[in-house]
């Protein structure tokens, strides 16, 4: 039984530091931006995150790409 995989959307997950705890450990948060097109390049995705966080007071720690697919029988 062959399975067909169809790309649905891409999610961009950004992780950023919001400060430090009383003992000096970093405090991290993350935000997910969903509904992005599958054909966006990795470079464009990263550049969008970097540009957005350049406007904010929190430093960008990491950018993750999650691709979502629908699977169906052929």
PDB file of N, CA and C in Angstrom:
ATOM      1  N   UNK A   1       0.840  -1.172   0.000  1.00  0.00           N
ATOM      2  CA  UNK A   1       0.000   0.000   0.000  1.00  0.00           C
ATOM      3  C   UNK A   1       0.889   1.240   0.000  1.00  0.00           C
ATOM      4  N   UNK A   2       1.049   1.896  -1.147  1.00  0.00           N
ATOM      5  CA  UNK A   2       1.852   3.127  -1.219  1.00  0.00           C
ATOM      6  C   UNK A   2       1.150   4.290  -0.512  1.00  0.00           C
ATOM      7  N   UNK A   3       1.947   5.125   0.086  1.00  0.00           N
ATOM      8  CA  UNK A   3       1.443   6.299   0.798  1.00  0.00           C
ATOM      9  C   UNK A   3       1.905   7.555   0.059  1.00  0.00           C
ATOM     10  N   UNK A   4       0.988   8.485  -0.104  1.00  0.00           N
ATOM     11  CA  UNK A   4       1.270   9.783  -0.726  1.00  0.00           C
ATOM     12  C   UNK A   4       1.475  10.807   0.393  1.00  0.00           C
ATOM     13  N   UNK A   5       2.562  11.550   0.309  1.00  0.00           N
ATOM     14  CA  UNK A   5       2.870  12.591   1.284  1.00  0.00           C
ATOM     15  C   UNK A   5       2.714  13.949   0.604  1.00  0.00           C
ATOM     16  N   UNK A   6       1.841  14.785   1.156  1.00  0.00           N
ATOM     17  CA  UNK A   6       1.594  16.116   0.598  1.00  0.00           C
ATOM     18  C   UNK A   6       1.940  17.175   1.641  1.00  0.00           C
ATOM     19  N   UNK A   7       2.829  18.100   1.279  1.00  0.00           N
ATOM     20  CA  UNK A   7       3.191  19.178   2.188  1.00  0.00           C
ATOM     21  C   UNK A   7       2.019  20.096   2.453  1.00  0.00           C
ATOM     22  N   UNK A   8       1.807  20.420   3.709  1.00  0.00           N
ATOM     23  CA  UNK A   8       0.681  21.264   4.106  1.00  0.00           C
ATOM     24  C   UNK A   8       1.154  22.666   4.485  1.00  0.00           C
ATOM     25  N   UNK A   9       2.063  22.746   5.445  1.00  0.00           N
ATOM     26  CA  UNK A   9       2.543  24.046   5.906  1.00  0.00           C
ATOM     27  C   UNK A   9       3.859  23.893   6.643  1.00  0.00           C
ATOM     28  N   UNK A  10       4.501  25.013   6.859  1.00  0.00           N
ATOM     29  CA  UNK A  10       5.725  25.084   7.647  1.00  0.00           C
ATOM     30  C   UNK A  10       5.457  25.935   8.873  1.00  0.00           C
ATOM     31  N   UNK A  11       6.046  25.534   9.978  1.00  0.00           N
ATOM     32  CA  UNK A  11       6.002  26.333  11.197  1.00  0.00           C
ATOM     33  C   UNK A  11       7.413  26.796  11.526  1.00  0.00           C
ATOM     34  N   UNK A  12       7.523  28.026  11.985  1.00  0.00           N
ATOM     35  CA  UNK A  12       8.797  28.562  12.446  1.00  0.00           C
ATOM     36  C   UNK A  12       8.700  28.694  13.957  1.00  0.00           C
ATOM     37  N   UNK A  13       9.607  28.038  14.657  1.00  0.00           N
ATOM     38  CA  UNK A  13       9.639  28.102  16.117  1.00  0.00           C
ATOM     39  C   UNK A  13      10.894  28.873  16.510  1.00  0.00           C
ATOM     40  N   UNK A  14      10.693  29.983  17.200  1.00  0.00           N
ATOM     41  CA  UNK A  14      11.819  30.796  17.644  1.00  0.00           C
ATOM     42  C   UNK A  14      11.962  30.665  19.155  1.00  0.00           C
ATOM     43  N   UNK A  15      13.182  30.550  19.599  1.00  0.00           N
ATOM     44  CA  UNK A  15      13.490  30.472  21.030  1.00  0.00           C
ATOM     45  C   UNK A  15      14.314  31.703  21.363  1.00  0.00           C
ATOM     46  N   UNK A  16      13.948  32.369  22.442  1.00  0.00           N
ATOM     47  CA  UNK A  16      14.620  33.611  22.803  1.00  0.00           C
ATOM     48  C   UNK A  16      14.779  33.704  24.311  1.00  0.00           C
ATOM     49  N   UNK A  17      15.713  34.542  24.739  1.00  0.00           N
ATOM     50  CA  UNK A  17      15.985  34.703  26.164  1.00  0.00           C
ATOM     51  C   UNK A  17      15.289  35.956  26.666  1.00  0.00           C
ATOM     52  N   UNK A  18      14.514  35.791  27.744  1.00  0.00           N
ATOM     53  CA  UNK A  18      13.780  36.930  28.297  1.00  0.00           C
ATOM     54  C   UNK A  18      14.446  37.539  29.514  1.00  0.00           C
ATOM     55  N   UNK A  19      15.497  36.926  29.988  1.00  0.00           N
ATOM     56  CA  UNK A  19      16.199  37.453  31.158  1.00  0.00           C
ATOM     57  C   UNK A  19      16.947  36.350  31.863  1.00  0.00           C
ATOM     58  N   UNK A  20      17.200  36.584  33.163  1.00  0.00           N
ATOM     59  CA  UNK A  20      17.893  35.588  33.976  1.00  0.00           C
ATOM     60  C   UNK A  20      17.178  35.437  35.310  1.00  0.00           C
ATOM     61  N   UNK A  21      17.397  34.290  35.932  1.00  0.00           N
ATOM     62  CA  UNK A  21      16.827  34.047  37.258  1.00  0.00           C
ATOM     63  C   UNK A  21      17.699  34.737  38.301  1.00  0.00           C
ATOM     64  N   UNK A  22      17.276  34.658  39.543  1.00  0.00           N
ATOM     65  CA  UNK A  22      18.036  35.280  40.631  1.00  0.00           C
ATOM     66  C   UNK A  22      19.435  34.691  40.761  1.00  0.00           C
ATOM     67  N   UNK A  23      19.590  33.418  40.412  1.00  0.00           N
ATOM     68  CA  UNK A  23      20.922  32.799  40.507  1.00  0.00           C
ATOM     69  C   UNK A  23      21.732  32.920  39.214  1.00  0.00           C
ATOM     70  N   UNK A  24      21.225  33.651  38.232  1.00  0.00           N
ATOM     71  CA  UNK A  24      21.971  33.928  37.016  1.00  0.00           C
ATOM     72  C   UNK A  24      21.717  32.989  35.847  1.00  0.00           C
ATOM     73  N   UNK A  25      20.831  32.025  36.007  1.00  0.00           N
ATOM     74  CA  UNK A  25      20.505  31.108  34.911  1.00  0.00           C
ATOM     75  C   UNK A  25      19.610  31.810  33.895  1.00  0.00           C
ATOM     76  N   UNK A  26      19.801  31.538  32.604  1.00  0.00           N
ATOM     77  CA  UNK A  26      18.968  32.194  31.587  1.00  0.00           C
ATOM     78  C   UNK A  26      17.526  31.676  31.612  1.00  0.00           C
ATOM     79  N   UNK A  27      16.605  32.563  31.289  1.00  0.00           N
ATOM     80  CA  UNK A  27      15.183  32.215  31.169  1.00  0.00           C
ATOM     81  C   UNK A  27      14.832  32.278  29.687  1.00  0.00           C
ATOM     82  N   UNK A  28      14.339  31.151  29.151  1.00  0.00           N
ATOM     83  CA  UNK A  28      14.005  31.059  27.736  1.00  0.00           C
ATOM     84  C   UNK A  28      12.511  30.956  27.526  1.00  0.00           C
ATOM     85  N   UNK A  29      12.051  31.475  26.410  1.00  0.00           N
ATOM     86  CA  UNK A  29      10.665  31.332  25.949  1.00  0.00           C
ATOM     87  C   UNK A  29      10.724  30.937  24.485  1.00  0.00           C
ATOM     88  N   UNK A  30       9.594  30.440  23.972  1.00  0.00           N
ATOM     89  CA  UNK A  30       9.535  30.163  22.543  1.00  0.00           C
ATOM     90  C   UNK A  30       8.181  30.557  21.996  1.00  0.00           C
ATOM     91  N   UNK A  31       8.176  30.860  20.723  1.00  0.00           N
ATOM     92  CA  UNK A  31       6.972  31.290  20.012  1.00  0.00           C
ATOM     93  C   UNK A  31       6.926  30.546  18.688  1.00  0.00           C
ATOM     94  N   UNK A  32       5.738  30.065  18.327  1.00  0.00           N
ATOM     95  CA  UNK A  32       5.544  29.357  17.070  1.00  0.00           C
ATOM     96  C   UNK A  32       4.740  30.219  16.110  1.00  0.00           C
ATOM     97  N   UNK A  33       5.240  30.356  14.892  1.00  0.00           N
ATOM     98  CA  UNK A  33       4.541  31.048  13.819  1.00  0.00           C
ATOM     99  C   UNK A  33       4.128  29.981  12.814  1.00  0.00           C
ATOM    100  N   UNK A  34       2.847  29.730  12.697  1.00  0.00           N
ATOM    101  CA  UNK A  34       2.387  28.655  11.813  1.00  0.00           C
ATOM    102  C   UNK A  34       1.692  29.228  10.582  1.00  0.00           C
ATOM    103  N   UNK A  35       1.402  28.328   9.635  1.00  0.00           N
ATOM    104  CA  UNK A  35       0.710  28.737   8.417  1.00  0.00           C
ATOM    105  C   UNK A  35       1.634  29.259   7.338  1.00  0.00           C
ATOM    106  N   UNK A  36       2.931  29.027   7.485  1.00  0.00           N
ATOM    107  CA  UNK A  36       3.876  29.487   6.467  1.00  0.00           C
ATOM    108  C   UNK A  36       3.880  28.525   5.285  1.00  0.00           C
ATOM    109  N   UNK A  37       4.222  29.024   4.124  1.00  0.00           N
ATOM    110  CA  UNK A  37       4.234  28.189   2.921  1.00  0.00           C
ATOM    111  C   UNK A  37       5.402  27.208   2.963  1.00  0.00           C
ATOM    112  N   UNK A  38       5.173  26.031   2.389  1.00  0.00           N
ATOM    113  CA  UNK A  38       6.189  24.981   2.365  1.00  0.00           C
ATOM    114  C   UNK A  38       7.417  25.372   1.536  1.00  0.00           C
ATOM    115  N   UNK A  39       7.230  26.225   0.536  1.00  0.00           N
ATOM    116  CA  UNK A  39       8.342  26.520  -0.365  1.00  0.00           C
ATOM    117  C   UNK A  39       9.251  27.653   0.110  1.00  0.00           C
ATOM    118  N   UNK A  40       9.025  28.165   1.321  1.00  0.00           N
ATOM    119  CA  UNK A  40       9.919  29.201   1.846  1.00  0.00           C
ATOM    120  C   UNK A  40      11.289  28.563   2.098  1.00  0.00           C
ATOM    121  N   UNK A  41      12.346  29.258   1.706  1.00  0.00           N
ATOM    122  CA  UNK A  41      13.692  28.703   1.875  1.00  0.00           C
ATOM    123  C   UNK A  41      14.124  28.815   3.338  1.00  0.00           C
ATOM    124  N   UNK A  42      15.076  27.982   3.704  1.00  0.00           N
ATOM    125  CA  UNK A  42      15.618  28.027   5.063  1.00  0.00           C
ATOM    126  C   UNK A  42      16.242  29.393   5.351  1.00  0.00           C
ATOM    127  N   UNK A  43      16.933  29.939   4.364  1.00  0.00           N
ATOM    128  CA  UNK A  43      17.578  31.244   4.526  1.00  0.00           C
ATOM    129  C   UNK A  43      16.544  32.345   4.769  1.00  0.00           C
ATOM    130  N   UNK A  44      15.447  32.328   3.994  1.00  0.00           N
ATOM    131  CA  UNK A  44      14.400  33.343   4.177  1.00  0.00           C
ATOM    132  C   UNK A  44      13.706  33.199   5.525  1.00  0.00           C
ATOM    133  N   UNK A  45      13.494  31.980   5.950  1.00  0.00           N
ATOM    134  CA  UNK A  45      12.862  31.731   7.244  1.00  0.00           C
ATOM    135  C   UNK A  45      13.727  32.269   8.374  1.00  0.00           C
ATOM    136  N   UNK A  46      15.012  31.960   8.327  1.00  0.00           N
ATOM    137  CA  UNK A  46      15.929  32.433   9.361  1.00  0.00           C
ATOM    138  C   UNK A  46      16.049  33.956   9.321  1.00  0.00           C
ATOM    139  N   UNK A  47      16.129  34.527   8.129  1.00  0.00           N
ATOM    140  CA  UNK A  47      16.255  35.980   8.003  1.00  0.00           C
ATOM    141  C   UNK A  47      15.027  36.689   8.555  1.00  0.00           C
ATOM    142  N   UNK A  48      13.841  36.124   8.350  1.00  0.00           N
ATOM    143  CA  UNK A  48      12.615  36.710   8.900  1.00  0.00           C
ATOM    144  C   UNK A  48      12.668  36.726  10.425  1.00  0.00           C
ATOM    145  N   UNK A  49      13.112  35.632  11.026  1.00  0.00           N
ATOM    146  CA  UNK A  49      13.221  35.575  12.483  1.00  0.00           C
ATOM    147  C   UNK A  49      14.260  36.568  12.991  1.00  0.00           C
ATOM    148  N   UNK A  50      15.408  36.617  12.332  1.00  0.00           N
ATOM    149  CA  UNK A  50      16.468  37.530  12.753  1.00  0.00           C
ATOM    150  C   UNK A  50      16.029  38.991  12.634  1.00  0.00           C
ATOM    151  N   UNK A  51      15.319  39.313  11.566  1.00  0.00           N
ATOM    152  CA  UNK A  51      14.829  40.679  11.369  1.00  0.00           C
ATOM    153  C   UNK A  51      13.800  41.049  12.429  1.00  0.00           C
ATOM    154  N   UNK A  52      12.893  40.133  12.719  1.00  0.00           N
ATOM    155  CA  UNK A  52      11.875  40.379  13.748  1.00  0.00           C
ATOM    156  C   UNK A  52      12.518  40.611  15.114  1.00  0.00           C
ATOM    157  N   UNK A  53      13.467  39.770  15.475  1.00  0.00           N
ATOM    158  CA  UNK A  53      14.070  39.898  16.804  1.00  0.00           C
ATOM    159  C   UNK A  53      15.071  41.040  16.891  1.00  0.00           C
ATOM    160  N   UNK A  54      15.506  41.566  15.770  1.00  0.00           N
ATOM    161  CA  UNK A  54      16.335  42.768  15.795  1.00  0.00           C
ATOM    162  C   UNK A  54      15.518  43.964  16.277  1.00  0.00           C
ATOM    163  N   UNK A  55      14.198  43.885  16.126  1.00  0.00           N
ATOM    164  CA  UNK A  55      13.304  44.962  16.561  1.00  0.00           C
ATOM    165  C   UNK A  55      12.883  44.836  18.018  1.00  0.00           C
ATOM    166  N   UNK A  56      13.130  43.676  18.619  1.00  0.00           N
ATOM    167  CA  UNK A  56      12.695  43.406  19.986  1.00  0.00           C
ATOM    168  C   UNK A  56      13.868  43.501  20.954  1.00  0.00           C
ATOM    169  N   UNK A  57      13.548  43.548  22.231  1.00  0.00           N
ATOM    170  CA  UNK A  57      14.601  43.660  23.240  1.00  0.00           C
ATOM    171  C   UNK A  57      15.198  42.316  23.636  1.00  0.00           C
ATOM    172  N   UNK A  58      14.616  41.201  23.171  1.00  0.00           N
ATOM    173  CA  UNK A  58      15.079  39.880  23.563  1.00  0.00           C
ATOM    174  C   UNK A  58      16.004  39.279  22.505  1.00  0.00           C
ATOM    175  N   UNK A  59      17.109  38.679  22.932  1.00  0.00           N
ATOM    176  CA  UNK A  59      18.012  38.055  21.955  1.00  0.00           C
ATOM    177  C   UNK A  59      17.462  36.721  21.441  1.00  0.00           C
ATOM    178  N   UNK A  60      17.601  36.520  20.153  1.00  0.00           N
ATOM    179  CA  UNK A  60      17.188  35.279  19.498  1.00  0.00           C
ATOM    180  C   UNK A  60      18.216  34.201  19.815  1.00  0.00           C
ATOM    181  N   UNK A  61      17.738  33.039  20.271  1.00  0.00           N
ATOM    182  CA  UNK A  61      18.637  31.943  20.636  1.00  0.00           C
ATOM    183  C   UNK A  61      18.680  30.894  19.535  1.00  0.00           C
ATOM    184  N   UNK A  62      17.498  30.521  19.000  1.00  0.00           N
ATOM    185  CA  UNK A  62      17.478  29.504  17.943  1.00  0.00           C
ATOM    186  C   UNK A  62      16.218  29.636  17.102  1.00  0.00           C
ATOM    187  N   UNK A  63      16.308  29.100  15.884  1.00  0.00           N
ATOM    188  CA  UNK A  63      15.177  29.061  14.959  1.00  0.00           C
ATOM    189  C   UNK A  63      15.035  27.616  14.498  1.00  0.00           C
ATOM    190  N   UNK A  64      13.831  27.073  14.607  1.00  0.00           N
ATOM    191  CA  UNK A  64      13.556  25.702  14.194  1.00  0.00           C
ATOM    192  C   UNK A  64      12.455  25.715  13.150  1.00  0.00           C
ATOM    193  N   UNK A  65      12.605  24.848  12.157  1.00  0.00           N
ATOM    194  CA  UNK A  65      11.598  24.714  11.107  1.00  0.00           C
ATOM    195  C   UNK A  65      10.892  23.377  11.288  1.00  0.00           C
ATOM    196  N   UNK A  66       9.562  23.406  11.367  1.00  0.00           N
ATOM    197  CA  UNK A  66       8.746  22.192  11.432  1.00  0.00           C
ATOM    198  C   UNK A  66       7.872  22.140  10.183  1.00  0.00           C
ATOM    199  N   UNK A  67       8.053  21.114   9.366  1.00  0.00           N
ATOM    200  CA  UNK A  67       7.220  20.920   8.182  1.00  0.00           C
ATOM    201  C   UNK A  67       6.114  19.925   8.517  1.00  0.00           C
ATOM    202  N   UNK A  68       4.893  20.249   8.091  1.00  0.00           N
ATOM    203  CA  UNK A  68       3.752  19.364   8.325  1.00  0.00           C
ATOM    204  C   UNK A  68       3.285  18.786   7.006  1.00  0.00           C
ATOM    205  N   UNK A  69       2.983  17.492   7.023  1.00  0.00           N
ATOM    206  CA  UNK A  69       2.561  16.777   5.828  1.00  0.00           C
ATOM    207  C   UNK A  69       1.275  16.017   6.090  1.00  0.00           C
ATOM    208  N   UNK A  70       0.416  15.921   5.083  1.00  0.00           N
ATOM    209  CA  UNK A  70      -0.731  15.012   5.113  1.00  0.00           C
ATOM    210  C   UNK A  70      -0.310  13.706   4.458  1.00  0.00           C
ATOM    211  N   UNK A  71      -0.667  12.614   5.071  1.00  0.00           N
ATOM    212  CA  UNK A  71      -0.370  11.285   4.512  1.00  0.00           C
ATOM    213  C   UNK A  71      -1.676  10.606   4.144  1.00  0.00           C
ATOM    214  N   UNK A  72      -1.695   9.993   2.961  1.00  0.00           N
ATOM    215  CA  UNK A  72      -2.896   9.306   2.484  1.00  0.00           C
ATOM    216  C   UNK A  72      -2.488   8.098   1.659  1.00  0.00           C
ATOM    217  N   UNK A  73      -3.368   7.130   1.624  1.00  0.00           N
ATOM    218  CA  UNK A  73      -3.132   5.959   0.774  1.00  0.00           C
ATOM    219  C   UNK A  73      -3.324   6.342  -0.668  1.00  0.00           C
ATOM    220  N   UNK A  74      -2.536   5.727  -1.524  1.00  0.00           N
ATOM    221  CA  UNK A  74      -2.633   6.005  -2.955  1.00  0.00           C
ATOM    222  C   UNK A  74      -3.829   5.290  -3.540  1.00  0.00           C
TER     223      UNK A  74
END
